[in-house]
Amino acid sequence: MAIEGAQRWRLQNPHVPGAASADDVADYAYGGYTADSLGFRNMGFREEVRRAAEHFRPEDFLLFDPVREPVPTDLPKRCKRCGSNNPRGRGTCRTCGTALQMLDPYDILLDALLTTYFGDVYGVRLGAHFGDVARWIPSLRPYPGQHGAGKASFYSVAYAITHIVYTFNGYSRYRLRKEWFPEEYRFLESHFRRNLAARDVETTGEFMDTLRSFGLSDSDDLIREGIKFLLDRQNTDGSWGNPGERDIYVRYHTTWTAIDGLMDYTWQGEQLSFPDAFQRIRDAVINRK
């Protein structure tokens, strides 16, 4: 199915249109990388994506410029009352005067990590490089604890942390040492059972997946509890989540993370096998340098 999808995507997207937005260009980078990885390589298409990306600012891809500043805390959400977008730093809507809520910096970090990671893997600079974003991870530590974050904030922090792990372990290719990311590891370990209590299959799968990267295995209590929890909640058709869910992303992503949490991994080694440039990024993130 993946190969068929990649082939169809290549046929449907032979070129990057001239009117492509920054979001479109990022999507073309994700699609091009995936198709290349499945055997449908097109270096000419990648060059088109690279040239298109040069026309945009870092803020167009990432909402901020990580070369110049840390992850911002003053980016307003779209106005709930009138739907207007407002400039950075504004506390009330310039159209209707409604008080504005700010984007969660952990959500901004997560999106920026993914965009730059896959851009760098593909060979296209999507506003900045992965290292430009990753170096700001320490600025968002320490992470809010179980009693210091509401439900929405907890998930913003949790998914930022799981994706810090994913981008640093090559999406479950490499082992990580706990001492490299002690605060991220402690958060995953100490909040694991919160997901079980909430009957949250999706987040449990991501926590299990990322904890395995730190060396936990089926012999550890947390992983055994997670395995039982996931198996007890598998649907009769083999999937996880609400079978009546109409959003296909929610349907497949919940099943995907559950499978990842149950999966056995053959790790390709530790992160020490990465190039020197990657090690410098890692060292900056864990405050070694």
C-alpha atoms as a PDB file:
ATOM      1  CA  MET A   1       0.000   0.000   0.000  1.00  0.00           C
ATOM      2  CA  ALA A   2       2.853   2.386   0.788  1.00  0.00           C
ATOM      3  CA  ILE A   3       4.540   1.709  -2.550  1.00  0.00           C
ATOM      4  CA  GLU A   4       1.266   2.160  -4.425  1.00  0.00           C
ATOM      5  CA  GLY A   5       0.641   5.407  -2.561  1.00  0.00           C
ATOM      6  CA  ALA A   6       4.133   6.738  -3.290  1.00  0.00           C
ATOM      7  CA  GLN A   7       3.812   5.917  -6.980  1.00  0.00           C
ATOM      8  CA  ARG A   8       0.412   7.598  -7.165  1.00  0.00           C
ATOM      9  CA  TRP A   9       1.742  10.649  -5.304  1.00  0.00           C
ATOM     10  CA  ARG A  10       4.595  10.997  -7.795  1.00  0.00           C
ATOM     11  CA  LEU A  11       2.185  10.852 -10.727  1.00  0.00           C
ATOM     12  CA  GLN A  12      -0.117  13.413  -9.138  1.00  0.00           C
ATOM     13  CA  ASN A  13       2.718  15.786  -8.150  1.00  0.00           C
ATOM     14  CA  PRO A  14       5.253  15.910 -11.005  1.00  0.00           C
ATOM     15  CA  HIS A  15       6.272  19.510 -10.225  1.00  0.00           C
ATOM     16  CA  VAL A  16       6.054  22.164  -7.532  1.00  0.00           C
ATOM     17  CA  PRO A  17       3.529  24.766  -8.712  1.00  0.00           C
ATOM     18  CA  GLY A  18       4.711  28.352  -8.829  1.00  0.00           C
ATOM     19  CA  ALA A  19       1.912  29.498  -6.501  1.00  0.00           C
ATOM     20  CA  ALA A  20       2.805  27.008  -3.748  1.00  0.00           C
ATOM     21  CA  SER A  21       2.581  28.420  -0.222  1.00  0.00           C
ATOM     22  CA  ALA A  22       5.154  27.729   2.488  1.00  0.00           C
ATOM     23  CA  ASP A  23       2.882  25.021   3.908  1.00  0.00           C
ATOM     24  CA  ASP A  24       2.579  23.514   0.422  1.00  0.00           C
ATOM     25  CA  VAL A  25       6.366  23.509  -0.011  1.00  0.00           C
ATOM     26  CA  ALA A  26       6.800  21.736   3.330  1.00  0.00           C
ATOM     27  CA  ASP A  27       4.209  19.154   2.272  1.00  0.00           C
ATOM     28  CA  TYR A  28       6.053  18.635  -1.020  1.00  0.00           C
ATOM     29  CA  ALA A  29       9.244  18.061   0.969  1.00  0.00           C
ATOM     30  CA  TYR A  30       7.528  15.455   3.173  1.00  0.00           C
ATOM     31  CA  GLY A  31       5.979  13.748   0.160  1.00  0.00           C
ATOM     32  CA  GLY A  32       9.180  13.837  -1.861  1.00  0.00           C
ATOM     33  CA  TYR A  33      11.208  12.395   0.992  1.00  0.00           C
ATOM     34  CA  THR A  34       8.679   9.593   1.518  1.00  0.00           C
ATOM     35  CA  ALA A  35       8.480   8.743  -2.181  1.00  0.00           C
ATOM     36  CA  ASP A  36      12.284   8.749  -2.444  1.00  0.00           C
ATOM     37  CA  SER A  37      12.530   6.441   0.566  1.00  0.00           C
ATOM     38  CA  LEU A  38      10.104   3.985  -1.047  1.00  0.00           C
ATOM     39  CA  GLY A  39      12.138   3.804  -4.250  1.00  0.00           C
ATOM     40  CA  PHE A  40      10.548   6.529  -6.405  1.00  0.00           C
ATOM     41  CA  ARG A  41      13.462   8.967  -6.436  1.00  0.00           C
ATOM     42  CA  ASN A  42      13.228  12.254  -8.311  1.00  0.00           C
ATOM     43  CA  MET A  43      16.182  14.554  -7.751  1.00  0.00           C
ATOM     44  CA  GLY A  44      14.737  17.152 -10.128  1.00  0.00           C
ATOM     45  CA  PHE A  45      11.633  17.440  -7.952  1.00  0.00           C
ATOM     46  CA  ARG A  46      13.783  17.908  -4.853  1.00  0.00           C
ATOM     47  CA  GLU A  47      15.620  20.746  -6.575  1.00  0.00           C
ATOM     48  CA  GLU A  48      12.258  22.372  -7.354  1.00  0.00           C
ATOM     49  CA  VAL A  49      11.308  22.111  -3.676  1.00  0.00           C
ATOM     50  CA  ARG A  50      14.664  23.596  -2.661  1.00  0.00           C
ATOM     51  CA  ARG A  51      14.281  26.572  -4.999  1.00  0.00           C
ATOM     52  CA  ALA A  52      10.681  27.166  -3.911  1.00  0.00           C
ATOM     53  CA  ALA A  53      11.695  27.127  -0.225  1.00  0.00           C
ATOM     54  CA  GLU A  54      14.211  29.920  -0.829  1.00  0.00           C
ATOM     55  CA  HIS A  55      11.367  32.374  -1.497  1.00  0.00           C
ATOM     56  CA  PHE A  56      10.029  32.156   2.052  1.00  0.00           C
ATOM     57  CA  ARG A  57      11.149  33.494   5.414  1.00  0.00           C
ATOM     58  CA  PRO A  58      11.771  31.255   8.441  1.00  0.00           C
ATOM     59  CA  GLU A  59       8.592  32.676   9.991  1.00  0.00           C
ATOM     60  CA  ASP A  60       6.580  31.372   7.031  1.00  0.00           C
ATOM     61  CA  PHE A  61       7.591  27.804   7.846  1.00  0.00           C
ATOM     62  CA  LEU A  62       8.157  27.916  11.605  1.00  0.00           C
ATOM     63  CA  LEU A  63       6.361  31.044  12.911  1.00  0.00           C
ATOM     64  CA  PHE A  64       9.707  32.337  14.215  1.00  0.00           C
ATOM     65  CA  ASP A  65      13.362  32.545  13.194  1.00  0.00           C
ATOM     66  CA  PRO A  66      15.349  30.136  15.396  1.00  0.00           C
ATOM     67  CA  VAL A  67      18.648  31.560  14.150  1.00  0.00           C
ATOM     68  CA  ARG A  68      17.829  34.855  15.873  1.00  0.00           C
ATOM     69  CA  GLU A  69      15.535  34.016  18.789  1.00  0.00           C
ATOM     70  CA  PRO A  70      14.189  31.288  21.095  1.00  0.00           C
ATOM     71  CA  VAL A  71      10.755  29.709  20.776  1.00  0.00           C
ATOM     72  CA  PRO A  72       8.305  32.608  21.203  1.00  0.00           C
ATOM     73  CA  THR A  73       5.573  32.876  23.817  1.00  0.00           C
ATOM     74  CA  ASP A  74       3.756  35.897  22.313  1.00  0.00           C
ATOM     75  CA  LEU A  75       2.213  34.487  19.134  1.00  0.00           C
ATOM     76  CA  PRO A  76      -1.579  34.904  19.323  1.00  0.00           C
ATOM     77  CA  LYS A  77      -4.002  32.252  18.169  1.00  0.00           C
ATOM     78  CA  ARG A  78      -6.685  33.124  15.636  1.00  0.00           C
ATOM     79  CA  CYS A  79      -9.419  35.148  17.330  1.00  0.00           C
ATOM     80  CA  LYS A  80     -12.162  32.841  18.602  1.00  0.00           C
ATOM     81  CA  ARG A  81     -14.848  35.465  18.092  1.00  0.00           C
ATOM     82  CA  CYS A  82     -14.214  36.845  14.603  1.00  0.00           C
ATOM     83  CA  GLY A  83     -11.521  34.517  13.218  1.00  0.00           C
ATOM     84  CA  SER A  84      -9.001  37.287  12.559  1.00  0.00           C
ATOM     85  CA  ASN A  85      -5.262  36.790  12.618  1.00  0.00           C
ATOM     86  CA  ASN A  86      -3.362  39.289  14.740  1.00  0.00           C
ATOM     87  CA  PRO A  87       0.262  40.443  14.830  1.00  0.00           C
ATOM     88  CA  ARG A  88       2.739  39.012  17.244  1.00  0.00           C
ATOM     89  CA  GLY A  89       2.572  40.353  20.777  1.00  0.00           C
ATOM     90  CA  ARG A  90      -0.981  41.645  20.556  1.00  0.00           C
ATOM     91  CA  GLY A  91      -3.204  40.756  23.510  1.00  0.00           C
ATOM     92  CA  THR A  92      -6.577  41.822  22.103  1.00  0.00           C
ATOM     93  CA  CYS A  93      -8.009  41.330  18.632  1.00  0.00           C
ATOM     94  CA  ARG A  94      -7.506  44.417  16.477  1.00  0.00           C
ATOM     95  CA  THR A  95     -10.795  43.668  14.697  1.00  0.00           C
ATOM     96  CA  CYS A  96     -13.249  42.956  17.520  1.00  0.00           C
ATOM     97  CA  GLY A  97     -11.323  43.670  20.734  1.00  0.00           C
ATOM     98  CA  THR A  98     -11.641  40.136  22.121  1.00  0.00           C
ATOM     99  CA  ALA A  99      -8.865  38.949  24.449  1.00  0.00           C
ATOM    100  CA  LEU A 100      -6.498  36.662  22.561  1.00  0.00           C
ATOM    101  CA  GLN A 101      -4.912  33.403  23.651  1.00  0.00           C
ATOM    102  CA  MET A 102      -1.287  32.684  22.809  1.00  0.00           C
ATOM    103  CA  LEU A 103       0.009  29.658  20.966  1.00  0.00           C
ATOM    104  CA  ASP A 104       1.646  27.150  23.291  1.00  0.00           C
ATOM    105  CA  PRO A 105       5.442  27.346  22.825  1.00  0.00           C
ATOM    106  CA  TYR A 106       5.650  23.553  23.119  1.00  0.00           C
ATOM    107  CA  ASP A 107       3.346  23.234  20.104  1.00  0.00           C
ATOM    108  CA  ILE A 108       5.517  25.699  18.196  1.00  0.00           C
ATOM    109  CA  LEU A 109       8.647  23.735  19.143  1.00  0.00           C
ATOM    110  CA  LEU A 110       7.127  20.420  18.065  1.00  0.00           C
ATOM    111  CA  ASP A 111       6.118  21.710  14.621  1.00  0.00           C
ATOM    112  CA  ALA A 112       9.461  23.423  14.106  1.00  0.00           C
ATOM    113  CA  LEU A 113      11.422  20.305  15.069  1.00  0.00           C
ATOM    114  CA  LEU A 114       9.468  18.172  12.592  1.00  0.00           C
ATOM    115  CA  THR A 115       9.643  20.692   9.760  1.00  0.00           C
ATOM    116  CA  THR A 116      13.383  21.241  10.024  1.00  0.00           C
ATOM    117  CA  TYR A 117      14.194  17.591  10.743  1.00  0.00           C
ATOM    118  CA  PHE A 118      12.460  16.299   7.633  1.00  0.00           C
ATOM    119  CA  GLY A 119      13.711  19.255   5.617  1.00  0.00           C
ATOM    120  CA  ASP A 120      17.301  18.426   6.563  1.00  0.00           C
ATOM    121  CA  VAL A 121      16.801  14.708   5.945  1.00  0.00           C
ATOM    122  CA  TYR A 122      15.401  15.519   2.501  1.00  0.00           C
ATOM    123  CA  GLY A 123      18.161  18.032   1.780  1.00  0.00           C
ATOM    124  CA  VAL A 124      15.979  21.154   1.726  1.00  0.00           C
ATOM    125  CA  ARG A 125      16.221  24.064   4.163  1.00  0.00           C
ATOM    126  CA  LEU A 126      12.673  24.746   5.337  1.00  0.00           C
ATOM    127  CA  GLY A 127      13.272  28.086   7.036  1.00  0.00           C
ATOM    128  CA  ALA A 128      16.158  26.850   9.183  1.00  0.00           C
ATOM    129  CA  HIS A 129      18.108  23.721  10.025  1.00  0.00           C
ATOM    130  CA  PHE A 130      17.188  21.180  12.675  1.00  0.00           C
ATOM    131  CA  GLY A 131      20.082  22.249  14.877  1.00  0.00           C
ATOM    132  CA  ASP A 132      18.875  25.867  14.813  1.00  0.00           C
ATOM    133  CA  VAL A 133      15.603  24.765  16.413  1.00  0.00           C
ATOM    134  CA  ALA A 134      16.924  21.981  18.652  1.00  0.00           C
ATOM    135  CA  ARG A 135      19.353  24.297  20.434  1.00  0.00           C
ATOM    136  CA  TRP A 136      16.384  26.069  22.041  1.00  0.00           C
ATOM    137  CA  ILE A 137      15.030  22.931  23.718  1.00  0.00           C
ATOM    138  CA  PRO A 138      16.773  23.767  27.035  1.00  0.00           C
ATOM    139  CA  SER A 139      14.974  27.134  27.129  1.00  0.00           C
ATOM    140  CA  LEU A 140      11.662  25.287  27.637  1.00  0.00           C
ATOM    141  CA  ARG A 141      12.947  23.230  30.551  1.00  0.00           C
ATOM    142  CA  PRO A 142      12.088  22.388  33.264  1.00  0.00           C
ATOM    143  CA  TYR A 143       8.884  20.843  31.997  1.00  0.00           C
ATOM    144  CA  PRO A 144       5.598  21.468  33.836  1.00  0.00           C
ATOM    145  CA  GLY A 145       4.884  18.636  36.268  1.00  0.00           C
ATOM    146  CA  GLN A 146       1.753  16.590  36.650  1.00  0.00           C
ATOM    147  CA  HIS A 147       0.137  19.222  38.862  1.00  0.00           C
ATOM    148  CA  GLY A 148       1.585  22.190  37.003  1.00  0.00           C
ATOM    149  CA  ALA A 149      -0.138  21.710  33.674  1.00  0.00           C
ATOM    150  CA  GLY A 150      -3.743  21.466  32.632  1.00  0.00           C
ATOM    151  CA  LYS A 151      -4.981  18.867  30.174  1.00  0.00           C
ATOM    152  CA  ALA A 152      -4.243  20.900  27.030  1.00  0.00           C
ATOM    153  CA  SER A 153      -0.833  22.009  28.270  1.00  0.00           C
ATOM    154  CA  PHE A 154       0.069  18.471  29.346  1.00  0.00           C
ATOM    155  CA  TYR A 155      -0.478  17.152  25.839  1.00  0.00           C
ATOM    156  CA  SER A 156       1.479  20.016  24.292  1.00  0.00           C
ATOM    157  CA  VAL A 157       4.446  19.231  26.549  1.00  0.00           C
ATOM    158  CA  ALA A 158       4.086  15.468  26.175  1.00  0.00           C
ATOM    159  CA  TYR A 159       4.029  15.467  22.387  1.00  0.00           C
ATOM    160  CA  ALA A 160       6.890  17.959  22.221  1.00  0.00           C
ATOM    161  CA  ILE A 161       8.961  15.571  24.355  1.00  0.00           C
ATOM    162  CA  THR A 162       8.074  12.432  22.381  1.00  0.00           C
ATOM    163  CA  HIS A 163       9.053  14.222  19.183  1.00  0.00           C
ATOM    164  CA  ILE A 164      12.298  15.464  20.680  1.00  0.00           C
ATOM    165  CA  VAL A 165      13.062  11.776  21.172  1.00  0.00           C
ATOM    166  CA  TYR A 166      11.836  10.801  17.690  1.00  0.00           C
ATOM    167  CA  THR A 167      13.931  13.410  15.910  1.00  0.00           C
ATOM    168  CA  PHE A 168      17.027  12.559  17.935  1.00  0.00           C
ATOM    169  CA  ASN A 169      16.684   8.800  17.564  1.00  0.00           C
ATOM    170  CA  GLY A 170      15.967   8.931  13.828  1.00  0.00           C
ATOM    171  CA  TYR A 171      12.370   7.834  14.362  1.00  0.00           C
ATOM    172  CA  SER A 172      13.171   4.726  16.380  1.00  0.00           C
ATOM    173  CA  ARG A 173      16.392   3.762  14.625  1.00  0.00           C
ATOM    174  CA  TYR A 174      18.918   4.597  17.341  1.00  0.00           C
ATOM    175  CA  ARG A 175      19.144   4.028  21.077  1.00  0.00           C
ATOM    176  CA  LEU A 176      19.441   7.058  23.373  1.00  0.00           C
ATOM    177  CA  ARG A 177      21.087   7.211  26.775  1.00  0.00           C
ATOM    178  CA  LYS A 178      19.018   8.432  29.706  1.00  0.00           C
ATOM    179  CA  GLU A 179      21.797  10.767  30.795  1.00  0.00           C
ATOM    180  CA  TRP A 180      21.653  12.570  27.436  1.00  0.00           C
ATOM    181  CA  PHE A 181      18.033  13.607  27.969  1.00  0.00           C
ATOM    182  CA  PRO A 182      17.382  13.162  31.703  1.00  0.00           C
ATOM    183  CA  GLU A 183      14.493  15.625  31.959  1.00  0.00           C
ATOM    184  CA  GLU A 184      12.713  14.184  28.938  1.00  0.00           C
ATOM    185  CA  TYR A 185      13.162  10.670  30.279  1.00  0.00           C
ATOM    186  CA  ARG A 186      11.885  11.618  33.747  1.00  0.00           C
ATOM    187  CA  PHE A 187       8.789  13.229  32.263  1.00  0.00           C
ATOM    188  CA  LEU A 188       7.950  10.150  30.183  1.00  0.00           C
ATOM    189  CA  GLU A 189       8.526   7.794  33.085  1.00  0.00           C
ATOM    190  CA  SER A 190       6.739   9.809  35.776  1.00  0.00           C
ATOM    191  CA  HIS A 191       3.687  10.645  33.626  1.00  0.00           C
ATOM    192  CA  PHE A 192       3.273   7.243  31.995  1.00  0.00           C
ATOM    193  CA  ARG A 193       0.443   6.037  34.218  1.00  0.00           C
ATOM    194  CA  ARG A 194      -1.449   9.293  33.696  1.00  0.00           C
ATOM    195  CA  ASN A 195      -2.133   8.069  30.153  1.00  0.00           C
ATOM    196  CA  LEU A 196      -3.378   4.706  31.407  1.00  0.00           C
ATOM    197  CA  ALA A 197      -5.739   6.396  33.869  1.00  0.00           C
ATOM    198  CA  ALA A 198      -7.071   8.580  31.050  1.00  0.00           C
ATOM    199  CA  ARG A 199      -7.512   5.496  28.796  1.00  0.00           C
ATOM    200  CA  ASP A 200      -5.409   7.305  26.212  1.00  0.00           C
ATOM    201  CA  VAL A 201      -4.202   4.718  23.694  1.00  0.00           C
ATOM    202  CA  GLU A 202      -2.473   7.184  21.389  1.00  0.00           C
ATOM    203  CA  THR A 203      -0.277   8.882  23.981  1.00  0.00           C
ATOM    204  CA  THR A 204       0.448   5.584  25.741  1.00  0.00           C
ATOM    205  CA  GLY A 205       1.797   4.197  22.469  1.00  0.00           C
ATOM    206  CA  GLU A 206       4.092   7.184  21.979  1.00  0.00           C
ATOM    207  CA  PHE A 207       5.350   7.020  25.569  1.00  0.00           C
ATOM    208  CA  MET A 208       6.098   3.301  25.244  1.00  0.00           C
ATOM    209  CA  ASP A 209       7.807   3.792  21.900  1.00  0.00           C
ATOM    210  CA  THR A 210      10.065   6.567  23.176  1.00  0.00           C
ATOM    211  CA  LEU A 211      10.824   4.877  26.512  1.00  0.00           C
ATOM    212  CA  ARG A 212      12.001   1.807  24.612  1.00  0.00           C
ATOM    213  CA  SER A 213      14.546   4.043  22.911  1.00  0.00           C
ATOM    214  CA  PHE A 214      16.002   4.754  26.359  1.00  0.00           C
ATOM    215  CA  GLY A 215      16.452   1.033  27.002  1.00  0.00           C
ATOM    216  CA  LEU A 216      13.183  -0.015  28.655  1.00  0.00           C
ATOM    217  CA  SER A 217      11.924  -3.397  27.512  1.00  0.00           C
ATOM    218  CA  ASP A 218       9.182  -5.940  28.148  1.00  0.00           C
ATOM    219  CA  SER A 219      10.907  -6.807  31.430  1.00  0.00           C
ATOM    220  CA  ASP A 220      10.121  -3.333  32.860  1.00  0.00           C
ATOM    221  CA  ASP A 221       6.901  -2.808  34.823  1.00  0.00           C
ATOM    222  CA  LEU A 222       5.821   0.264  32.870  1.00  0.00           C
ATOM    223  CA  ILE A 223       6.173  -1.454  29.509  1.00  0.00           C
ATOM    224  CA  ARG A 224       4.338  -4.559  30.744  1.00  0.00           C
ATOM    225  CA  GLU A 225       1.486  -2.391  32.026  1.00  0.00           C
ATOM    226  CA  GLY A 226       1.368  -0.578  28.728  1.00  0.00           C
ATOM    227  CA  ILE A 227       1.286  -3.821  26.730  1.00  0.00           C
ATOM    228  CA  LYS A 228      -1.665  -5.110  28.736  1.00  0.00           C
ATOM    229  CA  PHE A 229      -3.445  -1.764  28.424  1.00  0.00           C
ATOM    230  CA  LEU A 230      -3.045  -1.663  24.630  1.00  0.00           C
ATOM    231  CA  LEU A 231      -3.978  -5.296  24.037  1.00  0.00           C
ATOM    232  CA  ASP A 232      -7.072  -4.924  26.208  1.00  0.00           C
ATOM    233  CA  ARG A 233      -8.213  -2.015  24.028  1.00  0.00           C
ATOM    234  CA  GLN A 234      -7.585  -3.408  20.566  1.00  0.00           C
ATOM    235  CA  ASN A 235     -10.658  -3.410  18.319  1.00  0.00           C
ATOM    236  CA  THR A 236     -11.972  -6.621  16.758  1.00  0.00           C
ATOM    237  CA  ASP A 237     -10.725  -5.489  13.329  1.00  0.00           C
ATOM    238  CA  GLY A 238      -7.195  -5.153  14.718  1.00  0.00           C
ATOM    239  CA  SER A 239      -7.187  -1.360  14.949  1.00  0.00           C
ATOM    240  CA  TRP A 240      -7.200   0.958  17.963  1.00  0.00           C
ATOM    241  CA  GLY A 241      -9.302   3.995  18.739  1.00  0.00           C
ATOM    242  CA  ASN A 242     -12.914   4.804  18.010  1.00  0.00           C
ATOM    243  CA  PRO A 243     -14.102   2.798  14.971  1.00  0.00           C
ATOM    244  CA  GLY A 244     -16.729   5.475  14.325  1.00  0.00           C
ATOM    245  CA  GLU A 245     -14.203   8.313  14.128  1.00  0.00           C
ATOM    246  CA  ARG A 246     -14.660  10.181  10.822  1.00  0.00           C
ATOM    247  CA  ASP A 247     -11.230  11.864  10.823  1.00  0.00           C
ATOM    248  CA  ILE A 248      -8.929   9.424   9.011  1.00  0.00           C
ATOM    249  CA  TYR A 249      -5.844  10.977  10.643  1.00  0.00           C
ATOM    250  CA  VAL A 250      -7.146  10.181  14.131  1.00  0.00           C
ATOM    251  CA  ARG A 251      -8.045   6.647  13.022  1.00  0.00           C
ATOM    252  CA  TYR A 252      -4.701   5.746  11.523  1.00  0.00           C
ATOM    253  CA  HIS A 253      -2.491   7.656  13.945  1.00  0.00           C
ATOM    254  CA  THR A 254      -3.977   5.992  17.016  1.00  0.00           C
ATOM    255  CA  THR A 255      -3.425   2.562  15.469  1.00  0.00           C
ATOM    256  CA  TRP A 256       0.068   3.533  14.320  1.00  0.00           C
ATOM    257  CA  THR A 257       1.194   4.645  17.792  1.00  0.00           C
ATOM    258  CA  ALA A 258      -0.315   1.567  19.448  1.00  0.00           C
ATOM    259  CA  ILE A 259       1.626  -0.698  17.085  1.00  0.00           C
ATOM    260  CA  ASP A 260       4.804   1.288  17.724  1.00  0.00           C
ATOM    261  CA  GLY A 261       4.331   0.860  21.461  1.00  0.00           C
ATOM    262  CA  LEU A 262       4.018  -2.923  21.083  1.00  0.00           C
ATOM    263  CA  MET A 263       6.762  -3.340  18.510  1.00  0.00           C
ATOM    264  CA  ASP A 264      10.130  -4.993  19.054  1.00  0.00           C
ATOM    265  CA  TYR A 265      13.057  -2.974  17.719  1.00  0.00           C
ATOM    266  CA  THR A 266      16.407  -3.954  16.273  1.00  0.00           C
ATOM    267  CA  TRP A 267      18.322  -0.787  17.088  1.00  0.00           C
ATOM    268  CA  GLN A 268      21.089   0.283  14.700  1.00  0.00           C
ATOM    269  CA  GLY A 269      23.315   1.316  17.567  1.00  0.00           C
ATOM    270  CA  GLU A 270      23.541   4.358  19.785  1.00  0.00           C
ATOM    271  CA  GLN A 271      23.453   7.966  18.790  1.00  0.00           C
ATOM    272  CA  LEU A 272      27.242   8.017  19.030  1.00  0.00           C
ATOM    273  CA  SER A 273      27.294   6.640  15.490  1.00  0.00           C
ATOM    274  CA  PHE A 274      25.871   9.913  14.178  1.00  0.00           C
ATOM    275  CA  PRO A 275      28.116  12.435  12.380  1.00  0.00           C
ATOM    276  CA  ASP A 276      30.056  15.015  14.384  1.00  0.00           C
ATOM    277  CA  ALA A 277      27.607  17.760  13.427  1.00  0.00           C
ATOM    278  CA  PHE A 278      24.738  15.818  14.961  1.00  0.00           C
ATOM    279  CA  GLN A 279      26.722  15.184  18.131  1.00  0.00           C
ATOM    280  CA  ARG A 280      27.301  18.930  18.468  1.00  0.00           C
ATOM    281  CA  ILE A 281      23.546  19.471  18.304  1.00  0.00           C
ATOM    282  CA  ARG A 282      23.020  16.810  20.951  1.00  0.00           C
ATOM    283  CA  ASP A 283      25.670  18.328  23.198  1.00  0.00           C
ATOM    284  CA  ALA A 284      24.078  21.772  22.949  1.00  0.00           C
ATOM    285  CA  VAL A 285      20.666  20.394  23.826  1.00  0.00           C
ATOM    286  CA  ILE A 286      21.872  18.617  26.959  1.00  0.00           C
ATOM    287  CA  ASN A 287      23.948  21.634  28.008  1.00  0.00           C
ATOM    288  CA  ARG A 288      27.296  19.912  27.641  1.00  0.00           C
ATOM    289  CA  LYS A 289      28.634  22.799  25.589  1.00  0.00           C
END
